[in-house]
Amino acid sequence: MNRLQGLPPVFCPGTRLLVLGSFPGVASLRAQQYYGHPQNQFWKILGAVWALPLVQMPYPERLAALHAHGLGLWDVYGACEREGSLDADIRAAELNDLAWLRSQCPQLSAIAHNGGESFRHARHTEMFGLPVVKLPSTSPANASWSFERKLAAWAEVLLRYGLVPAGSAAQ
């Protein structure tokens, strides 16, 4: 089994909410883009909340939109062994240096875990003294949640931490 290396963090000094996934799937690693699988609903959800065509935008423009809204991305695992894309198949995982990233984001006010595997590491993120929330996974493997239900959960958290523009339809 090959050792896989994750993606670098996406953040800026103005990052207020950090979303942590578990580890990028095969499509994301191949594309070198967070949430690169076309069935993953991450970009579709954020696009709906922010009224932006994120799914159609080039990846660098998507990242610029994250920065503009104060949203950062990373994963709890920086490297692992895995065949396929399922979290259940992650082996020999190495945790990312979340304390380092925390030190780079002075305005960080909360951490959100995208799905259950990421949330298993909430005890590490709770040590920063910030609110920690569990969001429903945007992965296509999370078929028990409808898009509308995921959207409502994500919109509520983005609104709570000030990442939804005033007067937005998501409010």
N, C-alpha and C. Protein backbone atom coordinates (compact mmCIF):
# COMPACT_ATOMS: atom_id res chain seq x y z
N MET A 1 0.85 -1.17 0.00
CA MET A 1 0.00 0.00 0.00
C MET A 1 0.90 1.24 0.00
N ASN A 2 0.60 2.20 -0.88
CA ASN A 2 1.40 3.41 -0.99
C ASN A 2 1.07 4.41 0.11
N ARG A 3 2.09 5.14 0.49
CA ARG A 3 1.90 6.23 1.46
C ARG A 3 1.42 7.46 0.68
N LEU A 4 0.32 8.03 1.10
CA LEU A 4 -0.27 9.19 0.43
C LEU A 4 0.00 10.44 1.24
N GLN A 5 0.27 11.54 0.54
CA GLN A 5 0.50 12.83 1.18
C GLN A 5 -0.71 13.72 0.92
N GLY A 6 -1.20 14.40 1.95
CA GLY A 6 -2.37 15.26 1.81
C GLY A 6 -2.04 16.58 1.13
N LEU A 7 -3.00 17.48 1.16
CA LEU A 7 -2.87 18.79 0.53
C LEU A 7 -2.45 19.83 1.57
N PRO A 8 -1.82 20.92 1.12
CA PRO A 8 -1.45 21.97 2.07
C PRO A 8 -2.69 22.71 2.56
N PRO A 9 -2.58 23.37 3.70
CA PRO A 9 -3.74 24.10 4.22
C PRO A 9 -4.07 25.31 3.35
N VAL A 10 -5.35 25.68 3.38
CA VAL A 10 -5.84 26.88 2.71
C VAL A 10 -6.27 27.82 3.83
N PHE A 11 -5.58 28.94 3.98
CA PHE A 11 -5.91 29.88 5.05
C PHE A 11 -5.29 31.22 4.73
N CYS A 12 -5.70 32.22 5.48
CA CYS A 12 -5.10 33.55 5.40
C CYS A 12 -5.18 34.15 6.80
N PRO A 13 -4.52 35.26 7.05
CA PRO A 13 -4.59 35.84 8.40
C PRO A 13 -6.02 36.16 8.85
N GLY A 14 -6.94 36.37 7.90
CA GLY A 14 -8.32 36.68 8.23
C GLY A 14 -9.22 35.46 8.40
N THR A 15 -8.66 34.27 8.39
CA THR A 15 -9.46 33.05 8.56
C THR A 15 -10.14 33.07 9.92
N ARG A 16 -11.48 32.94 9.90
CA ARG A 16 -12.26 32.94 11.15
C ARG A 16 -12.85 31.57 11.47
N LEU A 17 -13.07 30.76 10.45
CA LEU A 17 -13.60 29.41 10.65
C LEU A 17 -12.73 28.45 9.85
N LEU A 18 -12.25 27.42 10.51
CA LEU A 18 -11.43 26.40 9.87
C LEU A 18 -12.26 25.14 9.72
N VAL A 19 -12.40 24.66 8.49
CA VAL A 19 -13.09 23.40 8.22
C VAL A 19 -12.03 22.32 8.03
N LEU A 20 -12.12 21.28 8.85
CA LEU A 20 -11.20 20.16 8.78
C LEU A 20 -11.90 18.93 8.23
N GLY A 21 -11.39 18.42 7.12
CA GLY A 21 -11.85 17.14 6.62
C GLY A 21 -11.00 16.04 7.24
N SER A 22 -11.12 14.84 6.74
CA SER A 22 -10.30 13.74 7.23
C SER A 22 -9.01 13.65 6.39
N PHE A 23 -9.16 13.28 5.12
CA PHE A 23 -8.04 13.16 4.19
C PHE A 23 -8.62 13.19 2.78
N PRO A 24 -7.95 13.86 1.84
CA PRO A 24 -8.51 13.96 0.49
C PRO A 24 -8.71 12.60 -0.17
N GLY A 25 -9.78 12.50 -0.93
CA GLY A 25 -10.03 11.29 -1.70
C GLY A 25 -9.16 11.22 -2.94
N VAL A 26 -9.28 10.13 -3.66
CA VAL A 26 -8.48 9.89 -4.85
C VAL A 26 -8.62 11.03 -5.87
N ALA A 27 -9.86 11.45 -6.16
CA ALA A 27 -10.08 12.51 -7.15
C ALA A 27 -9.45 13.82 -6.70
N SER A 28 -9.54 14.13 -5.42
CA SER A 28 -8.97 15.37 -4.89
C SER A 28 -7.45 15.34 -4.96
N LEU A 29 -6.86 14.21 -4.60
CA LEU A 29 -5.41 14.09 -4.68
C LEU A 29 -4.93 14.19 -6.12
N ARG A 30 -5.65 13.54 -7.02
CA ARG A 30 -5.28 13.58 -8.44
C ARG A 30 -5.33 15.02 -8.96
N ALA A 31 -6.38 15.75 -8.60
CA ALA A 31 -6.56 17.12 -9.07
C ALA A 31 -5.75 18.12 -8.24
N GLN A 32 -5.25 17.69 -7.07
CA GLN A 32 -4.57 18.58 -6.13
C GLN A 32 -5.50 19.74 -5.74
N GLN A 33 -6.75 19.37 -5.45
CA GLN A 33 -7.77 20.34 -5.07
C GLN A 33 -8.63 19.76 -3.96
N TYR A 34 -8.93 20.58 -2.97
CA TYR A 34 -9.86 20.14 -1.93
C TYR A 34 -11.23 19.90 -2.55
N TYR A 35 -11.86 18.83 -2.13
CA TYR A 35 -13.22 18.47 -2.55
C TYR A 35 -13.31 18.42 -4.07
N GLY A 36 -12.37 17.71 -4.67
CA GLY A 36 -12.26 17.62 -6.12
C GLY A 36 -13.16 16.60 -6.78
N HIS A 37 -13.81 15.74 -6.01
CA HIS A 37 -14.74 14.77 -6.61
C HIS A 37 -16.00 15.51 -7.03
N PRO A 38 -16.45 15.33 -8.27
CA PRO A 38 -17.61 16.09 -8.75
C PRO A 38 -18.89 15.81 -7.94
N GLN A 39 -18.97 14.69 -7.25
CA GLN A 39 -20.16 14.38 -6.46
C GLN A 39 -20.09 14.94 -5.05
N ASN A 40 -18.91 15.40 -4.63
CA ASN A 40 -18.81 15.99 -3.29
C ASN A 40 -19.57 17.31 -3.31
N GLN A 41 -20.35 17.55 -2.28
CA GLN A 41 -21.25 18.71 -2.27
C GLN A 41 -20.67 19.94 -1.58
N PHE A 42 -19.40 19.90 -1.19
CA PHE A 42 -18.78 21.02 -0.48
C PHE A 42 -18.92 22.34 -1.24
N TRP A 43 -18.46 22.39 -2.48
CA TRP A 43 -18.49 23.64 -3.25
C TRP A 43 -19.92 24.05 -3.59
N LYS A 44 -20.78 23.07 -3.82
CA LYS A 44 -22.18 23.37 -4.12
C LYS A 44 -22.87 24.00 -2.90
N ILE A 45 -22.57 23.48 -1.72
CA ILE A 45 -23.16 24.01 -0.48
C ILE A 45 -22.67 25.44 -0.24
N LEU A 46 -21.37 25.65 -0.30
CA LEU A 46 -20.85 27.01 -0.08
C LEU A 46 -21.37 27.97 -1.14
N GLY A 47 -21.46 27.51 -2.38
CA GLY A 47 -21.99 28.35 -3.45
C GLY A 47 -23.43 28.76 -3.17
N ALA A 48 -24.21 27.83 -2.65
CA ALA A 48 -25.61 28.14 -2.33
C ALA A 48 -25.70 29.15 -1.17
N VAL A 49 -24.87 28.96 -0.16
CA VAL A 49 -24.89 29.86 1.00
C VAL A 49 -24.42 31.26 0.62
N TRP A 50 -23.37 31.32 -0.18
CA TRP A 50 -22.77 32.62 -0.53
C TRP A 50 -23.31 33.20 -1.84
N ALA A 51 -24.24 32.51 -2.49
CA ALA A 51 -24.80 32.95 -3.77
C ALA A 51 -23.69 33.21 -4.80
N LEU A 52 -22.78 32.24 -4.90
CA LEU A 52 -21.68 32.30 -5.86
C LEU A 52 -21.67 31.02 -6.69
N PRO A 53 -21.28 31.10 -7.96
CA PRO A 53 -21.21 29.89 -8.80
C PRO A 53 -19.89 29.13 -8.58
N LEU A 54 -19.61 28.75 -7.35
CA LEU A 54 -18.32 28.14 -7.01
C LEU A 54 -18.02 26.90 -7.84
N VAL A 55 -19.02 26.07 -8.09
CA VAL A 55 -18.79 24.82 -8.82
C VAL A 55 -18.24 25.11 -10.22
N GLN A 56 -18.67 26.20 -10.83
CA GLN A 56 -18.24 26.54 -12.18
C GLN A 56 -16.93 27.35 -12.20
N MET A 57 -16.53 27.87 -11.07
CA MET A 57 -15.35 28.74 -11.01
C MET A 57 -14.06 27.93 -11.03
N PRO A 58 -12.99 28.48 -11.63
CA PRO A 58 -11.68 27.82 -11.53
C PRO A 58 -11.26 27.71 -10.07
N TYR A 59 -10.49 26.69 -9.76
CA TYR A 59 -10.10 26.42 -8.39
C TYR A 59 -9.45 27.62 -7.70
N PRO A 60 -8.52 28.34 -8.32
CA PRO A 60 -7.94 29.51 -7.63
C PRO A 60 -8.99 30.55 -7.24
N GLU A 61 -10.03 30.71 -8.04
CA GLU A 61 -11.10 31.65 -7.69
C GLU A 61 -11.94 31.12 -6.53
N ARG A 62 -12.10 29.81 -6.46
CA ARG A 62 -12.81 29.23 -5.31
C ARG A 62 -12.05 29.53 -4.02
N LEU A 63 -10.72 29.34 -4.09
CA LEU A 63 -9.90 29.60 -2.90
C LEU A 63 -9.95 31.07 -2.52
N ALA A 64 -9.97 31.95 -3.50
CA ALA A 64 -10.08 33.39 -3.22
C ALA A 64 -11.41 33.69 -2.52
N ALA A 65 -12.48 33.01 -2.92
CA ALA A 65 -13.78 33.19 -2.26
C ALA A 65 -13.72 32.72 -0.81
N LEU A 66 -13.01 31.62 -0.55
CA LEU A 66 -12.85 31.16 0.83
C LEU A 66 -12.15 32.24 1.66
N HIS A 67 -11.05 32.77 1.12
CA HIS A 67 -10.32 33.83 1.84
C HIS A 67 -11.21 35.04 2.09
N ALA A 68 -11.95 35.44 1.07
CA ALA A 68 -12.81 36.63 1.19
C ALA A 68 -13.88 36.46 2.26
N HIS A 69 -14.31 35.21 2.49
CA HIS A 69 -15.35 34.95 3.48
C HIS A 69 -14.79 34.51 4.84
N GLY A 70 -13.46 34.36 4.95
CA GLY A 70 -12.86 33.99 6.23
C GLY A 70 -12.88 32.51 6.53
N LEU A 71 -12.96 31.68 5.48
CA LEU A 71 -13.01 30.22 5.67
C LEU A 71 -11.68 29.59 5.29
N GLY A 72 -11.17 28.74 6.17
CA GLY A 72 -9.94 28.00 5.90
C GLY A 72 -10.25 26.52 5.77
N LEU A 73 -9.35 25.79 5.10
CA LEU A 73 -9.51 24.34 4.89
C LEU A 73 -8.21 23.62 5.22
N TRP A 74 -8.37 22.46 5.80
CA TRP A 74 -7.26 21.52 5.96
C TRP A 74 -7.88 20.19 6.31
N ASP A 75 -7.04 19.23 6.60
CA ASP A 75 -7.49 17.90 7.01
C ASP A 75 -6.82 17.53 8.33
N VAL A 76 -7.44 16.65 9.09
CA VAL A 76 -6.82 16.21 10.33
C VAL A 76 -5.60 15.35 10.04
N TYR A 77 -5.63 14.61 8.93
CA TYR A 77 -4.50 13.75 8.57
C TYR A 77 -3.66 14.41 7.48
N GLY A 78 -2.35 14.39 7.67
CA GLY A 78 -1.44 14.92 6.67
C GLY A 78 -0.93 13.87 5.74
N ALA A 79 -0.95 12.62 6.19
CA ALA A 79 -0.49 11.50 5.38
C ALA A 79 -1.14 10.24 5.91
N CYS A 80 -1.26 9.26 5.06
CA CYS A 80 -1.83 7.97 5.47
C CYS A 80 -1.61 6.94 4.37
N GLU A 81 -2.01 5.73 4.66
CA GLU A 81 -2.09 4.67 3.67
C GLU A 81 -3.56 4.39 3.45
N ARG A 82 -3.96 4.25 2.18
CA ARG A 82 -5.36 3.98 1.90
C ARG A 82 -5.49 3.54 0.45
N GLU A 83 -6.32 2.55 0.22
CA GLU A 83 -6.75 2.17 -1.11
C GLU A 83 -8.14 2.76 -1.29
N GLY A 84 -8.37 3.50 -2.36
CA GLY A 84 -9.67 4.11 -2.58
C GLY A 84 -9.81 5.41 -1.81
N SER A 85 -11.06 5.79 -1.54
CA SER A 85 -11.32 7.10 -0.92
C SER A 85 -12.07 7.04 0.40
N LEU A 86 -12.47 5.88 0.84
CA LEU A 86 -13.28 5.78 2.05
C LEU A 86 -12.47 6.03 3.32
N ASP A 87 -13.03 6.82 4.22
CA ASP A 87 -12.38 7.07 5.51
C ASP A 87 -12.13 5.78 6.28
N ALA A 88 -13.03 4.83 6.14
CA ALA A 88 -12.89 3.57 6.88
C ALA A 88 -11.64 2.80 6.47
N ASP A 89 -11.07 3.12 5.31
CA ASP A 89 -9.89 2.41 4.82
C ASP A 89 -8.58 3.12 5.15
N ILE A 90 -8.63 4.23 5.88
CA ILE A 90 -7.42 4.96 6.26
C ILE A 90 -6.62 4.13 7.25
N ARG A 91 -5.34 3.99 6.98
CA ARG A 91 -4.43 3.24 7.84
C ARG A 91 -3.17 4.07 8.09
N ALA A 92 -2.51 3.83 9.21
CA ALA A 92 -1.23 4.46 9.54
C ALA A 92 -1.28 5.96 9.29
N ALA A 93 -2.29 6.61 9.83
CA ALA A 93 -2.48 8.05 9.60
C ALA A 93 -1.57 8.88 10.49
N GLU A 94 -1.10 9.98 9.92
CA GLU A 94 -0.30 10.97 10.63
C GLU A 94 -1.13 12.23 10.77
N LEU A 95 -1.24 12.76 11.97
CA LEU A 95 -2.00 13.98 12.19
C LEU A 95 -1.24 15.20 11.66
N ASN A 96 -1.99 16.14 11.09
CA ASN A 96 -1.41 17.42 10.71
C ASN A 96 -1.09 18.22 11.96
N ASP A 97 -0.21 19.20 11.83
CA ASP A 97 0.17 20.07 12.94
C ASP A 97 -0.87 21.18 13.08
N LEU A 98 -1.97 20.85 13.72
CA LEU A 98 -3.07 21.79 13.87
C LEU A 98 -2.70 22.97 14.76
N ALA A 99 -1.81 22.76 15.72
CA ALA A 99 -1.38 23.86 16.58
C ALA A 99 -0.62 24.91 15.75
N TRP A 100 0.19 24.47 14.80
CA TRP A 100 0.89 25.41 13.93
C TRP A 100 -0.12 26.24 13.15
N LEU A 101 -1.11 25.58 12.57
CA LEU A 101 -2.09 26.32 11.77
C LEU A 101 -2.86 27.29 12.65
N ARG A 102 -3.20 26.88 13.84
CA ARG A 102 -3.90 27.77 14.77
C ARG A 102 -3.08 29.03 15.01
N SER A 103 -1.78 28.89 15.14
CA SER A 103 -0.91 30.04 15.39
C SER A 103 -0.83 30.98 14.19
N GLN A 104 -1.17 30.49 13.01
CA GLN A 104 -1.12 31.29 11.79
C GLN A 104 -2.43 32.04 11.52
N CYS A 105 -3.45 31.75 12.30
CA CYS A 105 -4.79 32.32 12.08
C CYS A 105 -5.24 33.07 13.33
N PRO A 106 -4.75 34.28 13.54
CA PRO A 106 -5.06 35.01 14.78
C PRO A 106 -6.54 35.34 14.96
N GLN A 107 -7.31 35.37 13.87
CA GLN A 107 -8.73 35.71 13.99
C GLN A 107 -9.63 34.47 14.07
N LEU A 108 -9.03 33.30 14.13
CA LEU A 108 -9.81 32.06 14.17
C LEU A 108 -10.76 32.07 15.37
N SER A 109 -12.05 31.83 15.10
CA SER A 109 -13.03 31.85 16.19
C SER A 109 -13.73 30.52 16.38
N ALA A 110 -13.55 29.57 15.44
CA ALA A 110 -14.19 28.26 15.59
C ALA A 110 -13.57 27.26 14.61
N ILE A 111 -13.75 25.99 14.93
CA ILE A 111 -13.29 24.89 14.07
C ILE A 111 -14.48 24.00 13.78
N ALA A 112 -14.66 23.65 12.52
CA ALA A 112 -15.74 22.76 12.11
C ALA A 112 -15.14 21.51 11.49
N HIS A 113 -15.61 20.37 11.93
CA HIS A 113 -15.17 19.09 11.37
C HIS A 113 -16.19 18.65 10.32
N ASN A 114 -15.69 18.39 9.11
CA ASN A 114 -16.52 17.94 8.00
C ASN A 114 -16.62 16.41 8.08
N GLY A 115 -17.58 15.93 8.84
CA GLY A 115 -17.83 14.50 8.93
C GLY A 115 -17.28 13.84 10.19
N GLY A 116 -17.66 12.59 10.35
CA GLY A 116 -17.37 11.84 11.57
C GLY A 116 -15.92 11.47 11.76
N GLU A 117 -15.22 11.09 10.71
CA GLU A 117 -13.81 10.70 10.87
C GLU A 117 -12.99 11.89 11.34
N SER A 118 -13.22 13.04 10.76
CA SER A 118 -12.53 14.25 11.21
C SER A 118 -12.90 14.56 12.67
N PHE A 119 -14.18 14.46 12.98
CA PHE A 119 -14.66 14.81 14.32
C PHE A 119 -14.10 13.87 15.41
N ARG A 120 -13.65 12.70 15.02
CA ARG A 120 -13.01 11.80 16.01
C ARG A 120 -11.81 12.48 16.67
N HIS A 121 -11.28 13.51 16.04
CA HIS A 121 -10.12 14.22 16.56
C HIS A 121 -10.49 15.55 17.21
N ALA A 122 -11.76 15.71 17.56
CA ALA A 122 -12.23 16.94 18.19
C ALA A 122 -11.49 17.20 19.50
N ARG A 123 -11.07 16.18 20.19
CA ARG A 123 -10.35 16.39 21.46
C ARG A 123 -9.07 17.18 21.22
N HIS A 124 -8.46 17.03 20.05
CA HIS A 124 -7.26 17.81 19.72
C HIS A 124 -7.62 19.27 19.44
N THR A 125 -8.69 19.47 18.70
CA THR A 125 -9.05 20.84 18.34
C THR A 125 -9.69 21.59 19.51
N GLU A 126 -10.33 20.88 20.42
CA GLU A 126 -10.93 21.53 21.60
C GLU A 126 -9.86 22.13 22.50
N MET A 127 -8.63 21.64 22.41
CA MET A 127 -7.54 22.15 23.25
C MET A 127 -7.19 23.60 22.91
N PHE A 128 -7.65 24.10 21.77
CA PHE A 128 -7.37 25.49 21.40
C PHE A 128 -8.31 26.48 22.08
N GLY A 129 -9.30 25.97 22.81
CA GLY A 129 -10.22 26.83 23.53
C GLY A 129 -11.23 27.54 22.64
N LEU A 130 -11.46 27.02 21.46
CA LEU A 130 -12.43 27.58 20.51
C LEU A 130 -13.63 26.65 20.41
N PRO A 131 -14.77 27.18 19.99
CA PRO A 131 -15.90 26.28 19.72
C PRO A 131 -15.53 25.29 18.62
N VAL A 132 -15.96 24.06 18.80
CA VAL A 132 -15.72 22.99 17.82
C VAL A 132 -17.08 22.39 17.46
N VAL A 133 -17.37 22.32 16.18
CA VAL A 133 -18.66 21.78 15.73
C VAL A 133 -18.45 20.64 14.74
N LYS A 134 -19.41 19.75 14.74
CA LYS A 134 -19.41 18.64 13.77
C LYS A 134 -20.45 18.96 12.71
N LEU A 135 -19.99 19.00 11.46
CA LEU A 135 -20.88 19.21 10.32
C LEU A 135 -21.09 17.89 9.60
N PRO A 136 -22.24 17.74 8.93
CA PRO A 136 -22.43 16.52 8.15
C PRO A 136 -21.45 16.49 6.99
N SER A 137 -20.91 15.33 6.74
CA SER A 137 -19.95 15.17 5.65
C SER A 137 -20.58 15.55 4.32
N THR A 138 -19.81 16.27 3.51
CA THR A 138 -20.26 16.64 2.16
C THR A 138 -19.94 15.55 1.15
N SER A 139 -19.33 14.48 1.60
CA SER A 139 -18.94 13.37 0.73
C SER A 139 -20.15 12.66 0.14
N PRO A 140 -19.99 12.14 -1.09
CA PRO A 140 -21.09 11.35 -1.66
C PRO A 140 -21.36 10.08 -0.85
N ALA A 141 -20.40 9.66 -0.02
CA ALA A 141 -20.62 8.48 0.83
C ALA A 141 -21.65 8.77 1.92
N ASN A 142 -21.91 10.02 2.21
CA ASN A 142 -22.90 10.41 3.22
C ASN A 142 -24.26 10.58 2.55
N ALA A 143 -24.79 9.50 2.05
CA ALA A 143 -26.05 9.54 1.30
C ALA A 143 -27.28 9.59 2.21
N SER A 144 -27.09 9.39 3.52
CA SER A 144 -28.24 9.41 4.43
C SER A 144 -28.74 10.83 4.68
N TRP A 145 -27.93 11.84 4.36
CA TRP A 145 -28.33 13.24 4.49
C TRP A 145 -28.64 13.78 3.11
N SER A 146 -29.79 14.39 2.94
CA SER A 146 -30.12 15.03 1.66
C SER A 146 -29.28 16.30 1.50
N PHE A 147 -29.19 16.78 0.27
CA PHE A 147 -28.48 18.03 0.03
C PHE A 147 -29.09 19.15 0.86
N GLU A 148 -30.41 19.24 0.89
CA GLU A 148 -31.10 20.31 1.61
C GLU A 148 -30.78 20.28 3.10
N ARG A 149 -30.71 19.09 3.67
CA ARG A 149 -30.41 18.95 5.09
C ARG A 149 -28.96 19.35 5.39
N LYS A 150 -28.03 18.92 4.50
CA LYS A 150 -26.62 19.33 4.65
C LYS A 150 -26.50 20.85 4.53
N LEU A 151 -27.17 21.40 3.52
CA LEU A 151 -27.11 22.85 3.29
C LEU A 151 -27.60 23.61 4.52
N ALA A 152 -28.69 23.19 5.11
CA ALA A 152 -29.23 23.87 6.29
C ALA A 152 -28.23 23.82 7.45
N ALA A 153 -27.60 22.67 7.67
CA ALA A 153 -26.64 22.53 8.77
C ALA A 153 -25.41 23.40 8.54
N TRP A 154 -24.89 23.38 7.33
CA TRP A 154 -23.71 24.19 7.00
C TRP A 154 -24.05 25.68 7.07
N ALA A 155 -25.19 26.08 6.53
CA ALA A 155 -25.58 27.49 6.53
C ALA A 155 -25.70 28.01 7.96
N GLU A 156 -26.25 27.21 8.84
CA GLU A 156 -26.42 27.63 10.24
C GLU A 156 -25.06 27.89 10.89
N VAL A 157 -24.09 27.03 10.65
CA VAL A 157 -22.77 27.20 11.25
C VAL A 157 -22.05 28.39 10.62
N LEU A 158 -22.12 28.53 9.31
CA LEU A 158 -21.48 29.67 8.65
C LEU A 158 -22.09 30.99 9.13
N LEU A 159 -23.39 31.01 9.32
CA LEU A 159 -24.06 32.20 9.84
C LEU A 159 -23.62 32.48 11.28
N ARG A 160 -23.59 31.45 12.11
CA ARG A 160 -23.22 31.60 13.53
C ARG A 160 -21.85 32.23 13.69
N TYR A 161 -20.92 31.90 12.79
CA TYR A 161 -19.55 32.41 12.92
C TYR A 161 -19.25 33.57 11.95
N GLY A 162 -20.29 34.20 11.43
CA GLY A 162 -20.13 35.42 10.66
C GLY A 162 -19.58 35.25 9.26
N LEU A 163 -19.78 34.09 8.65
CA LEU A 163 -19.27 33.86 7.30
C LEU A 163 -20.35 33.96 6.24
N VAL A 164 -21.49 34.48 6.61
CA VAL A 164 -22.58 34.70 5.65
C VAL A 164 -22.80 36.21 5.57
N PRO A 165 -22.75 36.79 4.38
CA PRO A 165 -22.93 38.24 4.25
C PRO A 165 -24.28 38.70 4.79
N ALA A 166 -24.30 39.89 5.34
CA ALA A 166 -25.54 40.48 5.84
C ALA A 166 -26.56 40.55 4.72
N GLY A 167 -27.80 40.21 5.03
CA GLY A 167 -28.87 40.25 4.04
C GLY A 167 -28.89 39.07 3.10
N SER A 168 -28.06 38.06 3.34
CA SER A 168 -28.01 36.89 2.48
C SER A 168 -29.27 36.06 2.64
N ALA A 169 -29.60 35.34 1.57
CA ALA A 169 -30.77 34.45 1.58
C ALA A 169 -30.58 33.32 2.60
N ALA A 170 -29.31 32.99 2.93
CA ALA A 170 -29.05 31.90 3.88
C ALA A 170 -29.47 32.26 5.29
N GLN A 171 -29.69 33.56 5.55
CA GLN A 171 -30.11 33.96 6.89
C GLN A 171 -31.58 33.68 7.02
